[in-house]
Amino acid sequence: MTQDPFRVQSLWAGIRGYNCFGCAPHNESGLALNFVEDESGVSASFSLGPRYSSYPGVAHCGIIATVLEEVMGNALVIKAKRLCFTRKLSLKYVEPVLVGANYSASARIEAQDGDFYELEAAIYDEAGNLMALAKGSYKAISPEQALRTINIDPQTATEFFSYLRRDNP
C-alpha cells in the first residue's frame, strides 16, 4: 500500500509549533525530507547543500545521523502508526556523503516487542552504493503521553492523533 508522500508531513504541519529540523517544510534551516511508503518501509530522496558540510564538499556526519534517525522515526509513524522516542542509535559511516550529490535514505521495522521497536536504515548513492547504515531502538508513546511530554497543542493535533490511533489499541 503506497500513500501520498506528503500525507504525514501535512498531518504534522497542522500542529502549532511543528518545526522539525528533519521534515518540516517551512523550517528554513532544516532538511525538509519527504517520505514515501513502500512495501517494506519508507524512503526519502535528498541532496545536501554546502550549509550542511564539514570538510569542503562532504556532508557533516551529524547531518547524516539526522537523516537516518528521521527516516526511522517516520517509518514508525507511517508503518506502525506510533509516535516514538529514540532509545539507542548506532551508526556506521561507509563512504563520505558528498554535498550536492543525490541520495536516498530508507528505513524498515526489523522487530517489535510491545511498545519497543528495532529499526534499520541506510543511505545509498544514485549507483546503489551503501554510504551509511544505522540501527535504532525506539519506545512508543500514546497520544496522551505525547500531550504530557511534548509541547504539542491538542487543538491543532486532532487529525494527527486520529491517524496514530488507527489500527492501534
N, C-alpha and C. Protein backbone atom coordinates (compact mmCIF):
# COMPACT_ATOMS: atom_id res chain seq x y z
N MET A 1 0.84 -1.17 0.00
CA MET A 1 0.00 0.00 0.00
C MET A 1 0.89 1.25 0.00
N THR A 2 0.78 2.06 -1.01
CA THR A 2 1.56 3.29 -1.09
C THR A 2 0.66 4.45 -0.73
N GLN A 3 1.20 5.36 0.04
CA GLN A 3 0.41 6.50 0.45
C GLN A 3 1.02 7.77 -0.11
N ASP A 4 0.23 8.81 -0.18
CA ASP A 4 0.69 10.11 -0.64
C ASP A 4 1.91 10.52 0.16
N PRO A 5 3.04 10.85 -0.49
CA PRO A 5 4.27 11.16 0.25
C PRO A 5 4.14 12.39 1.13
N PHE A 6 3.15 13.21 0.92
CA PHE A 6 3.01 14.43 1.72
C PHE A 6 1.99 14.26 2.85
N ARG A 7 1.35 13.10 2.94
CA ARG A 7 0.28 12.88 3.91
C ARG A 7 0.77 13.09 5.35
N VAL A 8 1.83 12.41 5.75
CA VAL A 8 2.29 12.51 7.13
C VAL A 8 2.83 13.90 7.41
N GLN A 9 3.57 14.49 6.47
CA GLN A 9 4.05 15.84 6.68
C GLN A 9 2.89 16.81 6.84
N SER A 10 1.82 16.61 6.07
CA SER A 10 0.69 17.53 6.19
C SER A 10 -0.01 17.35 7.53
N LEU A 11 -0.02 16.13 8.08
CA LEU A 11 -0.58 15.92 9.41
C LEU A 11 0.24 16.67 10.45
N TRP A 12 1.55 16.56 10.38
CA TRP A 12 2.43 17.30 11.30
C TRP A 12 2.28 18.80 11.09
N ALA A 13 2.21 19.22 9.84
CA ALA A 13 2.22 20.64 9.52
C ALA A 13 1.08 21.41 10.16
N GLY A 14 -0.01 20.74 10.47
CA GLY A 14 -1.13 21.41 11.09
C GLY A 14 -0.96 21.65 12.58
N ILE A 15 0.09 21.10 13.17
CA ILE A 15 0.30 21.21 14.62
C ILE A 15 1.07 22.48 14.94
N ARG A 16 0.49 23.32 15.76
CA ARG A 16 1.15 24.56 16.17
C ARG A 16 2.48 24.23 16.84
N GLY A 17 3.56 24.87 16.41
CA GLY A 17 4.88 24.65 16.97
C GLY A 17 5.70 23.61 16.23
N TYR A 18 5.11 22.94 15.23
CA TYR A 18 5.84 21.93 14.46
C TYR A 18 6.93 22.61 13.64
N ASN A 19 8.16 22.29 13.95
CA ASN A 19 9.30 22.91 13.27
C ASN A 19 10.44 21.92 13.14
N CYS A 20 10.13 20.66 12.89
CA CYS A 20 11.12 19.59 12.86
C CYS A 20 12.26 19.93 11.90
N PHE A 21 13.49 19.80 12.39
CA PHE A 21 14.67 20.04 11.56
C PHE A 21 14.71 19.06 10.39
N GLY A 22 14.26 17.84 10.60
CA GLY A 22 14.34 16.82 9.56
C GLY A 22 13.28 16.93 8.49
N CYS A 23 12.02 17.22 8.87
CA CYS A 23 10.97 17.11 7.86
C CYS A 23 10.02 18.29 7.74
N ALA A 24 10.12 19.30 8.59
CA ALA A 24 9.21 20.43 8.45
C ALA A 24 9.53 21.21 7.18
N PRO A 25 8.56 21.36 6.28
CA PRO A 25 8.84 22.04 5.01
C PRO A 25 9.09 23.54 5.17
N HIS A 26 8.66 24.12 6.28
CA HIS A 26 8.80 25.56 6.48
C HIS A 26 10.01 25.93 7.34
N ASN A 27 10.79 24.95 7.83
CA ASN A 27 11.97 25.25 8.63
C ASN A 27 13.11 25.61 7.67
N GLU A 28 13.46 26.88 7.60
CA GLU A 28 14.45 27.35 6.63
C GLU A 28 15.83 26.74 6.82
N SER A 29 16.16 26.30 8.02
CA SER A 29 17.45 25.68 8.29
C SER A 29 17.40 24.16 8.13
N GLY A 30 16.20 23.60 8.01
CA GLY A 30 16.02 22.16 8.04
C GLY A 30 16.25 21.46 6.72
N LEU A 31 16.05 20.15 6.76
CA LEU A 31 16.28 19.28 5.60
C LEU A 31 15.05 19.11 4.72
N ALA A 32 13.86 19.36 5.25
CA ALA A 32 12.59 19.25 4.51
C ALA A 32 12.44 17.91 3.79
N LEU A 33 12.77 16.82 4.49
CA LEU A 33 12.65 15.49 3.90
C LEU A 33 11.18 15.14 3.69
N ASN A 34 10.89 14.49 2.57
CA ASN A 34 9.56 13.97 2.26
C ASN A 34 9.67 12.45 2.21
N PHE A 35 8.75 11.76 2.84
CA PHE A 35 8.82 10.32 2.96
C PHE A 35 7.79 9.64 2.07
N VAL A 36 8.20 8.54 1.46
CA VAL A 36 7.34 7.75 0.59
C VAL A 36 7.28 6.34 1.17
N GLU A 37 6.08 5.83 1.29
CA GLU A 37 5.88 4.48 1.82
C GLU A 37 6.00 3.46 0.70
N ASP A 38 6.63 2.31 1.03
CA ASP A 38 6.64 1.17 0.11
C ASP A 38 6.31 -0.09 0.91
N GLU A 39 6.43 -1.24 0.30
CA GLU A 39 6.05 -2.49 0.97
C GLU A 39 6.81 -2.73 2.27
N SER A 40 8.11 -2.43 2.29
CA SER A 40 8.92 -2.79 3.45
C SER A 40 9.16 -1.65 4.44
N GLY A 41 8.92 -0.41 4.04
CA GLY A 41 9.20 0.69 4.94
C GLY A 41 8.93 2.03 4.30
N VAL A 42 9.81 2.98 4.55
CA VAL A 42 9.69 4.30 3.95
C VAL A 42 11.05 4.74 3.42
N SER A 43 11.01 5.70 2.50
CA SER A 43 12.25 6.23 1.95
C SER A 43 12.10 7.72 1.71
N ALA A 44 13.24 8.37 1.53
CA ALA A 44 13.28 9.80 1.21
C ALA A 44 14.48 10.05 0.33
N SER A 45 14.28 10.77 -0.76
CA SER A 45 15.39 11.20 -1.62
C SER A 45 15.84 12.57 -1.14
N PHE A 46 17.14 12.83 -1.22
CA PHE A 46 17.65 14.11 -0.74
C PHE A 46 18.99 14.44 -1.37
N SER A 47 19.32 15.70 -1.31
CA SER A 47 20.63 16.24 -1.69
C SER A 47 20.92 17.34 -0.68
N LEU A 48 22.14 17.38 -0.19
CA LEU A 48 22.50 18.35 0.84
C LEU A 48 23.33 19.49 0.26
N GLY A 49 23.01 20.70 0.66
CA GLY A 49 23.76 21.87 0.21
C GLY A 49 24.98 22.11 1.09
N PRO A 50 25.80 23.07 0.72
CA PRO A 50 27.04 23.33 1.44
C PRO A 50 26.85 23.77 2.89
N ARG A 51 25.69 24.27 3.25
CA ARG A 51 25.45 24.66 4.65
C ARG A 51 25.51 23.47 5.58
N TYR A 52 25.43 22.23 5.04
CA TYR A 52 25.45 21.02 5.85
C TYR A 52 26.78 20.28 5.78
N SER A 53 27.83 20.97 5.36
CA SER A 53 29.11 20.32 5.19
C SER A 53 29.98 20.38 6.43
N SER A 54 30.96 19.49 6.48
CA SER A 54 32.02 19.54 7.48
C SER A 54 33.29 19.90 6.71
N TYR A 55 33.96 18.90 6.16
CA TYR A 55 35.05 19.19 5.23
C TYR A 55 34.44 19.76 3.96
N PRO A 56 35.16 20.57 3.23
CA PRO A 56 34.60 21.11 1.98
C PRO A 56 34.10 19.99 1.05
N GLY A 57 32.84 20.10 0.68
CA GLY A 57 32.24 19.13 -0.23
C GLY A 57 31.72 17.86 0.41
N VAL A 58 31.90 17.69 1.72
CA VAL A 58 31.47 16.48 2.42
C VAL A 58 30.44 16.85 3.47
N ALA A 59 29.33 16.13 3.48
CA ALA A 59 28.27 16.38 4.47
C ALA A 59 28.75 16.02 5.87
N HIS A 60 28.33 16.80 6.84
CA HIS A 60 28.68 16.58 8.24
C HIS A 60 28.05 15.27 8.72
N CYS A 61 28.80 14.50 9.51
CA CYS A 61 28.29 13.21 9.98
C CYS A 61 27.05 13.37 10.85
N GLY A 62 26.91 14.48 11.56
CA GLY A 62 25.72 14.71 12.37
C GLY A 62 24.47 14.89 11.52
N ILE A 63 24.64 15.48 10.36
CA ILE A 63 23.51 15.63 9.42
C ILE A 63 23.13 14.27 8.86
N ILE A 64 24.12 13.44 8.56
CA ILE A 64 23.84 12.08 8.06
C ILE A 64 23.09 11.29 9.14
N ALA A 65 23.52 11.43 10.39
CA ALA A 65 22.83 10.76 11.50
C ALA A 65 21.39 11.25 11.59
N THR A 66 21.18 12.53 11.39
CA THR A 66 19.83 13.10 11.44
C THR A 66 18.95 12.51 10.34
N VAL A 67 19.46 12.40 9.13
CA VAL A 67 18.68 11.82 8.03
C VAL A 67 18.28 10.39 8.38
N LEU A 68 19.23 9.59 8.87
CA LEU A 68 18.95 8.20 9.20
C LEU A 68 17.93 8.07 10.34
N GLU A 69 18.09 8.88 11.38
CA GLU A 69 17.16 8.83 12.50
C GLU A 69 15.77 9.31 12.07
N GLU A 70 15.74 10.32 11.25
CA GLU A 70 14.47 10.89 10.79
C GLU A 70 13.69 9.88 9.94
N VAL A 71 14.36 9.17 9.06
CA VAL A 71 13.66 8.19 8.22
C VAL A 71 13.16 7.02 9.08
N MET A 72 13.91 6.65 10.12
CA MET A 72 13.43 5.59 11.01
C MET A 72 12.23 6.07 11.83
N GLY A 73 12.31 7.27 12.38
CA GLY A 73 11.20 7.79 13.16
C GLY A 73 9.93 7.91 12.35
N ASN A 74 10.06 8.33 11.11
CA ASN A 74 8.88 8.45 10.26
C ASN A 74 8.40 7.10 9.75
N ALA A 75 9.27 6.11 9.66
CA ALA A 75 8.82 4.76 9.34
C ALA A 75 7.88 4.26 10.44
N LEU A 76 8.18 4.62 11.68
CA LEU A 76 7.30 4.22 12.79
C LEU A 76 5.95 4.92 12.70
N VAL A 77 5.95 6.19 12.37
CA VAL A 77 4.68 6.92 12.25
C VAL A 77 3.87 6.37 11.07
N ILE A 78 4.53 6.15 9.94
CA ILE A 78 3.82 5.74 8.72
C ILE A 78 3.44 4.26 8.74
N LYS A 79 4.38 3.37 9.09
CA LYS A 79 4.12 1.94 9.01
C LYS A 79 3.44 1.39 10.27
N ALA A 80 3.86 1.84 11.45
CA ALA A 80 3.30 1.30 12.70
C ALA A 80 2.26 2.23 13.31
N LYS A 81 2.13 3.43 12.75
CA LYS A 81 1.22 4.45 13.30
C LYS A 81 1.49 4.67 14.79
N ARG A 82 2.79 4.81 15.12
CA ARG A 82 3.21 5.04 16.50
C ARG A 82 4.16 6.22 16.56
N LEU A 83 4.01 7.04 17.56
CA LEU A 83 4.92 8.13 17.86
C LEU A 83 5.91 7.57 18.88
N CYS A 84 7.20 7.69 18.60
CA CYS A 84 8.21 7.04 19.43
C CYS A 84 9.35 7.99 19.78
N PHE A 85 10.04 7.64 20.86
CA PHE A 85 11.28 8.30 21.24
C PHE A 85 12.44 7.37 20.95
N THR A 86 13.53 7.93 20.49
CA THR A 86 14.74 7.15 20.23
C THR A 86 15.36 6.75 21.55
N ARG A 87 15.67 5.46 21.70
CA ARG A 87 16.35 4.96 22.89
C ARG A 87 17.82 4.75 22.61
N LYS A 88 18.15 4.27 21.41
CA LYS A 88 19.54 3.97 21.08
C LYS A 88 19.70 4.12 19.58
N LEU A 89 20.81 4.68 19.18
CA LEU A 89 21.10 4.86 17.76
C LEU A 89 22.56 4.49 17.53
N SER A 90 22.80 3.53 16.62
CA SER A 90 24.17 3.19 16.26
C SER A 90 24.35 3.41 14.76
N LEU A 91 25.51 3.94 14.41
CA LEU A 91 25.77 4.35 13.03
C LEU A 91 27.05 3.74 12.50
N LYS A 92 27.04 3.47 11.22
CA LYS A 92 28.26 3.04 10.52
C LYS A 92 28.35 3.88 9.26
N TYR A 93 29.38 4.71 9.19
CA TYR A 93 29.62 5.52 8.01
C TYR A 93 30.53 4.73 7.08
N VAL A 94 30.04 4.42 5.89
CA VAL A 94 30.76 3.57 4.96
C VAL A 94 31.58 4.39 3.98
N GLU A 95 30.98 5.40 3.40
CA GLU A 95 31.63 6.29 2.44
C GLU A 95 31.19 7.72 2.73
N PRO A 96 31.99 8.70 2.36
CA PRO A 96 31.56 10.09 2.56
C PRO A 96 30.32 10.42 1.72
N VAL A 97 29.38 11.10 2.33
CA VAL A 97 28.20 11.61 1.63
C VAL A 97 28.59 13.00 1.16
N LEU A 98 28.53 13.22 -0.14
CA LEU A 98 29.00 14.46 -0.73
C LEU A 98 27.91 15.50 -0.85
N VAL A 99 28.28 16.72 -0.63
CA VAL A 99 27.38 17.85 -0.81
C VAL A 99 27.04 17.98 -2.29
N GLY A 100 25.76 18.18 -2.58
CA GLY A 100 25.32 18.38 -3.96
C GLY A 100 24.99 17.11 -4.71
N ALA A 101 25.33 15.94 -4.19
CA ALA A 101 25.01 14.67 -4.86
C ALA A 101 23.61 14.21 -4.41
N ASN A 102 23.03 13.31 -5.19
CA ASN A 102 21.69 12.80 -4.89
C ASN A 102 21.79 11.46 -4.17
N TYR A 103 20.95 11.31 -3.13
CA TYR A 103 20.96 10.11 -2.31
C TYR A 103 19.53 9.70 -1.98
N SER A 104 19.40 8.47 -1.50
CA SER A 104 18.12 8.02 -0.96
C SER A 104 18.39 7.37 0.39
N ALA A 105 17.50 7.62 1.31
CA ALA A 105 17.54 7.00 2.63
C ALA A 105 16.30 6.14 2.77
N SER A 106 16.45 4.97 3.34
CA SER A 106 15.29 4.10 3.54
C SER A 106 15.38 3.48 4.92
N ALA A 107 14.21 3.13 5.46
CA ALA A 107 14.15 2.51 6.79
C ALA A 107 13.05 1.47 6.80
N ARG A 108 13.26 0.47 7.65
CA ARG A 108 12.23 -0.56 7.84
C ARG A 108 12.26 -1.03 9.29
N ILE A 109 11.10 -1.45 9.74
CA ILE A 109 10.97 -2.00 11.08
C ILE A 109 11.48 -3.44 11.04
N GLU A 110 12.44 -3.74 11.89
CA GLU A 110 13.02 -5.08 11.95
C GLU A 110 12.33 -5.96 12.98
N ALA A 111 11.92 -5.37 14.12
CA ALA A 111 11.31 -6.16 15.19
C ALA A 111 10.45 -5.26 16.06
N GLN A 112 9.46 -5.89 16.70
CA GLN A 112 8.60 -5.18 17.65
C GLN A 112 8.34 -6.09 18.83
N ASP A 113 8.39 -5.53 20.04
CA ASP A 113 8.04 -6.24 21.26
C ASP A 113 7.23 -5.26 22.11
N GLY A 114 5.91 -5.33 21.98
CA GLY A 114 5.04 -4.39 22.68
C GLY A 114 5.27 -2.98 22.18
N ASP A 115 5.66 -2.08 23.07
CA ASP A 115 5.92 -0.68 22.70
C ASP A 115 7.35 -0.43 22.26
N PHE A 116 8.15 -1.48 22.11
CA PHE A 116 9.56 -1.33 21.74
C PHE A 116 9.78 -1.81 20.31
N TYR A 117 10.54 -1.02 19.56
CA TYR A 117 10.78 -1.30 18.14
C TYR A 117 12.27 -1.25 17.86
N GLU A 118 12.70 -2.09 16.91
CA GLU A 118 14.06 -2.08 16.38
C GLU A 118 13.96 -1.78 14.89
N LEU A 119 14.73 -0.82 14.42
CA LEU A 119 14.69 -0.43 13.02
C LEU A 119 16.09 -0.42 12.42
N GLU A 120 16.12 -0.47 11.10
CA GLU A 120 17.37 -0.33 10.36
C GLU A 120 17.14 0.68 9.24
N ALA A 121 18.13 1.50 9.00
CA ALA A 121 18.06 2.50 7.93
C ALA A 121 19.38 2.53 7.18
N ALA A 122 19.34 2.96 5.93
CA ALA A 122 20.54 3.05 5.11
C ALA A 122 20.42 4.23 4.15
N ILE A 123 21.57 4.73 3.77
CA ILE A 123 21.65 5.76 2.73
C ILE A 123 22.44 5.16 1.58
N TYR A 124 21.91 5.35 0.36
CA TYR A 124 22.55 4.87 -0.87
C TYR A 124 22.75 6.02 -1.83
N ASP A 125 23.82 5.94 -2.61
CA ASP A 125 24.02 6.93 -3.66
C ASP A 125 23.22 6.51 -4.89
N GLU A 126 23.29 7.31 -5.96
CA GLU A 126 22.49 7.02 -7.17
C GLU A 126 22.87 5.71 -7.83
N ALA A 127 24.10 5.24 -7.63
CA ALA A 127 24.55 3.98 -8.21
C ALA A 127 24.17 2.78 -7.34
N GLY A 128 23.54 3.03 -6.19
CA GLY A 128 23.15 1.95 -5.31
C GLY A 128 24.21 1.55 -4.30
N ASN A 129 25.27 2.34 -4.17
CA ASN A 129 26.32 2.04 -3.21
C ASN A 129 25.90 2.48 -1.80
N LEU A 130 26.15 1.61 -0.83
CA LEU A 130 25.84 1.92 0.56
C LEU A 130 26.79 3.00 1.06
N MET A 131 26.21 4.06 1.62
CA MET A 131 27.00 5.17 2.14
C MET A 131 27.03 5.19 3.68
N ALA A 132 25.91 4.84 4.30
CA ALA A 132 25.81 4.84 5.76
C ALA A 132 24.70 3.89 6.18
N LEU A 133 24.85 3.34 7.36
CA LEU A 133 23.89 2.38 7.89
C LEU A 133 23.61 2.73 9.35
N ALA A 134 22.36 2.58 9.78
CA ALA A 134 22.00 2.85 11.17
C ALA A 134 21.07 1.77 11.69
N LYS A 135 21.17 1.55 12.97
CA LYS A 135 20.23 0.70 13.70
C LYS A 135 19.72 1.54 14.86
N GLY A 136 18.42 1.48 15.09
CA GLY A 136 17.84 2.27 16.16
C GLY A 136 16.85 1.48 16.98
N SER A 137 16.80 1.80 18.27
CA SER A 137 15.81 1.25 19.19
C SER A 137 14.89 2.38 19.60
N TYR A 138 13.59 2.11 19.62
CA TYR A 138 12.59 3.13 19.89
C TYR A 138 11.56 2.62 20.88
N LYS A 139 10.98 3.56 21.64
CA LYS A 139 9.87 3.24 22.54
C LYS A 139 8.68 4.10 22.14
N ALA A 140 7.56 3.43 21.91
CA ALA A 140 6.34 4.12 21.51
C ALA A 140 5.69 4.79 22.71
N ILE A 141 5.03 5.91 22.43
CA ILE A 141 4.23 6.59 23.44
C ILE A 141 2.84 6.80 22.85
N SER A 142 1.87 6.89 23.73
CA SER A 142 0.50 7.12 23.29
C SER A 142 0.30 8.61 23.00
N PRO A 143 -0.75 8.95 22.27
CA PRO A 143 -1.05 10.37 22.08
C PRO A 143 -1.21 11.11 23.40
N GLU A 144 -1.78 10.44 24.39
CA GLU A 144 -1.94 11.08 25.70
C GLU A 144 -0.58 11.36 26.35
N GLN A 145 0.35 10.42 26.23
CA GLN A 145 1.70 10.65 26.74
C GLN A 145 2.37 11.78 25.98
N ALA A 146 2.14 11.85 24.67
CA ALA A 146 2.73 12.92 23.87
C ALA A 146 2.25 14.28 24.35
N LEU A 147 0.98 14.37 24.67
CA LEU A 147 0.43 15.64 25.16
C LEU A 147 1.08 16.06 26.48
N ARG A 148 1.44 15.08 27.31
CA ARG A 148 2.08 15.39 28.59
C ARG A 148 3.58 15.65 28.44
N THR A 149 4.21 15.04 27.45
CA THR A 149 5.67 15.06 27.34
C THR A 149 6.19 16.09 26.35
N ILE A 150 5.51 16.23 25.24
CA ILE A 150 5.96 17.10 24.16
C ILE A 150 5.06 18.33 24.14
N ASN A 151 5.58 19.42 23.72
CA ASN A 151 4.79 20.65 23.64
C ASN A 151 3.91 20.64 22.39
N ILE A 152 2.95 19.70 22.38
CA ILE A 152 2.01 19.57 21.26
C ILE A 152 0.70 20.23 21.66
N ASP A 153 0.23 21.12 20.83
CA ASP A 153 -1.03 21.81 21.07
C ASP A 153 -2.18 20.86 20.71
N PRO A 154 -2.97 20.42 21.69
CA PRO A 154 -4.04 19.46 21.41
C PRO A 154 -5.09 19.98 20.44
N GLN A 155 -5.30 21.29 20.39
CA GLN A 155 -6.29 21.87 19.49
C GLN A 155 -5.89 21.71 18.03
N THR A 156 -4.58 21.69 17.75
CA THR A 156 -4.12 21.58 16.36
C THR A 156 -3.62 20.18 16.02
N ALA A 157 -3.64 19.25 16.97
CA ALA A 157 -3.11 17.91 16.74
C ALA A 157 -4.18 16.84 16.58
N THR A 158 -5.43 17.22 16.51
CA THR A 158 -6.54 16.26 16.46
C THR A 158 -6.41 15.28 15.30
N GLU A 159 -6.16 15.77 14.09
CA GLU A 159 -6.06 14.89 12.92
C GLU A 159 -4.86 13.96 13.04
N PHE A 160 -3.74 14.48 13.54
CA PHE A 160 -2.54 13.66 13.71
C PHE A 160 -2.79 12.53 14.70
N PHE A 161 -3.38 12.84 15.85
CA PHE A 161 -3.65 11.80 16.84
C PHE A 161 -4.67 10.79 16.33
N SER A 162 -5.63 11.24 15.54
CA SER A 162 -6.60 10.33 14.94
C SER A 162 -5.88 9.34 14.01
N TYR A 163 -4.93 9.84 13.24
CA TYR A 163 -4.12 8.99 12.37
C TYR A 163 -3.35 7.95 13.18
N LEU A 164 -2.73 8.37 14.29
CA LEU A 164 -1.95 7.45 15.11
C LEU A 164 -2.82 6.38 15.78
N ARG A 165 -4.06 6.69 16.05
CA ARG A 165 -4.95 5.73 16.73
C ARG A 165 -5.49 4.67 15.79
N ARG A 166 -5.42 4.89 14.49
CA ARG A 166 -5.92 3.89 13.54
C ARG A 166 -5.14 2.59 13.70
N ASP A 167 -5.84 1.50 13.83
CA ASP A 167 -5.25 0.16 13.94
C ASP A 167 -4.42 -0.02 15.19
N ASN A 168 -4.51 0.88 16.17
CA ASN A 168 -3.77 0.71 17.43
C ASN A 168 -4.78 0.60 18.57
N PRO A 169 -4.44 -0.22 19.56
CA PRO A 169 -5.35 -0.34 20.71
C PRO A 169 -5.38 0.93 21.52
